[in-house]
Structures are given as structure tokens and as C-alpha cells.
Amino acid sequence: MLKSILKVIKKVVISILILYGYNLITQPFNLNIPINIITIMIMVLFDTCGFVGMILFYFFNFR
């Protein structure tokens, strides 16, 4: 039980760091993805596919 909770907390922290790093890199191009509970949960549930999906969704809908 404790291992699964720690695994989820680890995924949440890594997701926040990845989103923050992405926002730092793409700030000059104005391609920021907001860091909120929805985007973090998408990254926790879908891992890399969720991250790429959010980037593509933002790029095609808001550009």
C-alpha cells in the first residue's frame, strides 16, 4: 500500500518537473502548457503519450 502511494507521489512530482521544464524551454515561443491538476493527472495517467498529446492539442488548437 505504501509503495503504491509513494509511486503515485513520485509520478506527480516528475510530471510537475517535466511540465515546468517544458514551459521554461518554450517560453520564448509562447507555447506554455499550464501546470494545474488536470494537466498533471493527464501526465500521471498517460505518461509520455499524455505529454505529447497535450503538446499536439495545444499546438493545433491554439496556434
N, C-alpha and C. Protein backbone atom coordinates (compact mmCIF):
# COMPACT_ATOMS: atom_id res chain seq x y z
N MET A 1 0.83 -1.19 0.00
CA MET A 1 0.00 0.00 0.00
C MET A 1 0.87 1.26 0.00
N LEU A 2 1.84 1.29 0.89
CA LEU A 2 2.71 2.46 0.98
C LEU A 2 3.56 2.63 -0.27
N LYS A 3 3.98 1.49 -0.86
CA LYS A 3 4.78 1.57 -2.09
C LYS A 3 3.98 2.17 -3.24
N SER A 4 2.71 1.83 -3.34
CA SER A 4 1.89 2.37 -4.43
C SER A 4 1.63 3.86 -4.23
N ILE A 5 1.45 4.29 -2.99
CA ILE A 5 1.27 5.72 -2.72
C ILE A 5 2.54 6.49 -3.06
N LEU A 6 3.68 5.95 -2.68
CA LEU A 6 4.95 6.61 -3.00
C LEU A 6 5.20 6.64 -4.50
N LYS A 7 4.76 5.60 -5.20
CA LYS A 7 4.91 5.57 -6.66
C LYS A 7 4.08 6.67 -7.32
N VAL A 8 2.85 6.87 -6.85
CA VAL A 8 2.00 7.92 -7.39
C VAL A 8 2.57 9.30 -7.08
N ILE A 9 3.04 9.51 -5.86
CA ILE A 9 3.64 10.79 -5.48
C ILE A 9 4.87 11.07 -6.35
N LYS A 10 5.66 10.04 -6.60
CA LYS A 10 6.85 10.20 -7.45
C LYS A 10 6.44 10.60 -8.86
N LYS A 11 5.40 9.98 -9.42
CA LYS A 11 4.93 10.32 -10.76
C LYS A 11 4.40 11.75 -10.82
N VAL A 12 3.72 12.19 -9.76
CA VAL A 12 3.19 13.56 -9.72
C VAL A 12 4.34 14.56 -9.72
N VAL A 13 5.35 14.32 -8.90
CA VAL A 13 6.49 15.24 -8.82
C VAL A 13 7.24 15.27 -10.14
N ILE A 14 7.46 14.13 -10.74
CA ILE A 14 8.16 14.09 -12.03
C ILE A 14 7.34 14.80 -13.11
N SER A 15 6.02 14.63 -13.09
CA SER A 15 5.16 15.30 -14.06
C SER A 15 5.24 16.82 -13.92
N ILE A 16 5.24 17.30 -12.69
CA ILE A 16 5.35 18.74 -12.46
C ILE A 16 6.70 19.25 -12.97
N LEU A 17 7.76 18.52 -12.71
CA LEU A 17 9.09 18.95 -13.17
C LEU A 17 9.19 18.94 -14.69
N ILE A 18 8.60 17.94 -15.33
CA ILE A 18 8.64 17.88 -16.80
C ILE A 18 7.85 19.04 -17.40
N LEU A 19 6.67 19.33 -16.86
CA LEU A 19 5.89 20.46 -17.36
C LEU A 19 6.60 21.78 -17.13
N TYR A 20 7.22 21.93 -15.98
CA TYR A 20 7.95 23.16 -15.68
C TYR A 20 9.14 23.32 -16.64
N GLY A 21 9.87 22.25 -16.88
CA GLY A 21 10.99 22.30 -17.81
C GLY A 21 10.54 22.61 -19.23
N TYR A 22 9.45 22.00 -19.64
CA TYR A 22 8.90 22.28 -20.98
C TYR A 22 8.51 23.75 -21.09
N ASN A 23 7.88 24.28 -20.05
CA ASN A 23 7.46 25.69 -20.08
C ASN A 23 8.66 26.63 -20.11
N LEU A 24 9.74 26.27 -19.43
CA LEU A 24 10.95 27.10 -19.49
C LEU A 24 11.55 27.12 -20.88
N ILE A 25 11.57 25.96 -21.54
CA ILE A 25 12.18 25.85 -22.86
C ILE A 25 11.34 26.57 -23.91
N THR A 26 10.02 26.45 -23.82
CA THR A 26 9.15 27.01 -24.87
C THR A 26 8.59 28.38 -24.53
N GLN A 27 9.06 29.00 -23.48
CA GLN A 27 8.57 30.33 -23.10
C GLN A 27 8.80 31.38 -24.20
N PRO A 28 9.95 31.40 -24.87
CA PRO A 28 10.13 32.41 -25.93
C PRO A 28 9.16 32.23 -27.11
N PHE A 29 8.66 31.02 -27.32
CA PHE A 29 7.76 30.74 -28.43
C PHE A 29 6.30 30.84 -28.02
N ASN A 30 6.03 31.14 -26.76
CA ASN A 30 4.67 31.27 -26.22
C ASN A 30 3.86 29.98 -26.41
N LEU A 31 4.48 28.83 -26.11
CA LEU A 31 3.82 27.53 -26.20
C LEU A 31 3.68 26.90 -24.82
N ASN A 32 3.34 27.68 -23.83
CA ASN A 32 3.28 27.18 -22.46
C ASN A 32 2.03 26.35 -22.22
N ILE A 33 2.20 25.25 -21.47
CA ILE A 33 1.09 24.43 -21.01
C ILE A 33 0.92 24.75 -19.53
N PRO A 34 -0.28 25.13 -19.09
CA PRO A 34 -0.45 25.48 -17.68
C PRO A 34 -0.23 24.27 -16.78
N ILE A 35 0.35 24.52 -15.62
CA ILE A 35 0.55 23.47 -14.64
C ILE A 35 -0.62 23.53 -13.66
N ASN A 36 -1.58 22.64 -13.86
CA ASN A 36 -2.72 22.55 -12.96
C ASN A 36 -3.06 21.08 -12.73
N ILE A 37 -4.08 20.82 -11.96
CA ILE A 37 -4.39 19.45 -11.57
C ILE A 37 -4.78 18.59 -12.77
N ILE A 38 -5.42 19.17 -13.77
CA ILE A 38 -5.85 18.40 -14.94
C ILE A 38 -4.65 17.95 -15.77
N THR A 39 -3.74 18.88 -16.04
CA THR A 39 -2.57 18.51 -16.85
C THR A 39 -1.67 17.53 -16.11
N ILE A 40 -1.56 17.69 -14.82
CA ILE A 40 -0.74 16.76 -14.03
C ILE A 40 -1.36 15.37 -14.03
N MET A 41 -2.67 15.28 -13.87
CA MET A 41 -3.33 13.97 -13.88
C MET A 41 -3.26 13.30 -15.25
N ILE A 42 -3.31 14.09 -16.32
CA ILE A 42 -3.14 13.52 -17.66
C ILE A 42 -1.75 12.91 -17.78
N MET A 43 -0.75 13.61 -17.28
CA MET A 43 0.62 13.07 -17.36
C MET A 43 0.81 11.87 -16.45
N VAL A 44 0.17 11.86 -15.29
CA VAL A 44 0.31 10.72 -14.38
C VAL A 44 -0.36 9.49 -14.98
N LEU A 45 -1.52 9.66 -15.58
CA LEU A 45 -2.25 8.52 -16.13
C LEU A 45 -1.69 8.01 -17.45
N PHE A 46 -1.27 8.92 -18.34
CA PHE A 46 -0.87 8.52 -19.68
C PHE A 46 0.62 8.65 -19.97
N ASP A 47 1.42 9.06 -19.01
CA ASP A 47 2.87 9.17 -19.14
C ASP A 47 3.28 10.00 -20.35
N THR A 48 4.19 9.49 -21.16
CA THR A 48 4.75 10.23 -22.27
C THR A 48 3.71 10.51 -23.35
N CYS A 49 2.82 9.56 -23.58
CA CYS A 49 1.77 9.77 -24.59
C CYS A 49 0.86 10.93 -24.21
N GLY A 50 0.56 11.06 -22.94
CA GLY A 50 -0.26 12.18 -22.48
C GLY A 50 0.44 13.50 -22.67
N PHE A 51 1.74 13.54 -22.41
CA PHE A 51 2.52 14.77 -22.58
C PHE A 51 2.57 15.18 -24.04
N VAL A 52 2.86 14.23 -24.91
CA VAL A 52 2.90 14.52 -26.35
C VAL A 52 1.52 14.92 -26.84
N GLY A 53 0.49 14.26 -26.33
CA GLY A 53 -0.88 14.60 -26.72
C GLY A 53 -1.26 16.01 -26.32
N MET A 54 -0.85 16.43 -25.11
CA MET A 54 -1.13 17.81 -24.68
C MET A 54 -0.41 18.82 -25.54
N ILE A 55 0.83 18.52 -25.91
CA ILE A 55 1.59 19.43 -26.77
C ILE A 55 0.91 19.56 -28.13
N LEU A 56 0.53 18.43 -28.72
CA LEU A 56 -0.13 18.47 -30.02
C LEU A 56 -1.49 19.14 -29.94
N PHE A 57 -2.24 18.87 -28.90
CA PHE A 57 -3.55 19.51 -28.72
C PHE A 57 -3.40 21.01 -28.62
N TYR A 58 -2.46 21.47 -27.81
CA TYR A 58 -2.25 22.90 -27.67
C TYR A 58 -1.78 23.53 -28.98
N PHE A 59 -0.85 22.84 -29.65
CA PHE A 59 -0.29 23.41 -30.88
C PHE A 59 -1.36 23.54 -31.97
N PHE A 60 -2.20 22.51 -32.15
CA PHE A 60 -3.19 22.55 -33.23
C PHE A 60 -4.41 23.39 -32.89
N ASN A 61 -4.74 23.56 -31.62
CA ASN A 61 -5.95 24.30 -31.26
C ASN A 61 -5.72 25.76 -30.93
N PHE A 62 -4.55 26.11 -30.49
CA PHE A 62 -4.31 27.48 -30.05
C PHE A 62 -3.27 28.21 -30.86
N ARG A 63 -2.87 27.68 -31.98
CA ARG A 63 -1.90 28.34 -32.86
C ARG A 63 -2.56 28.71 -34.14
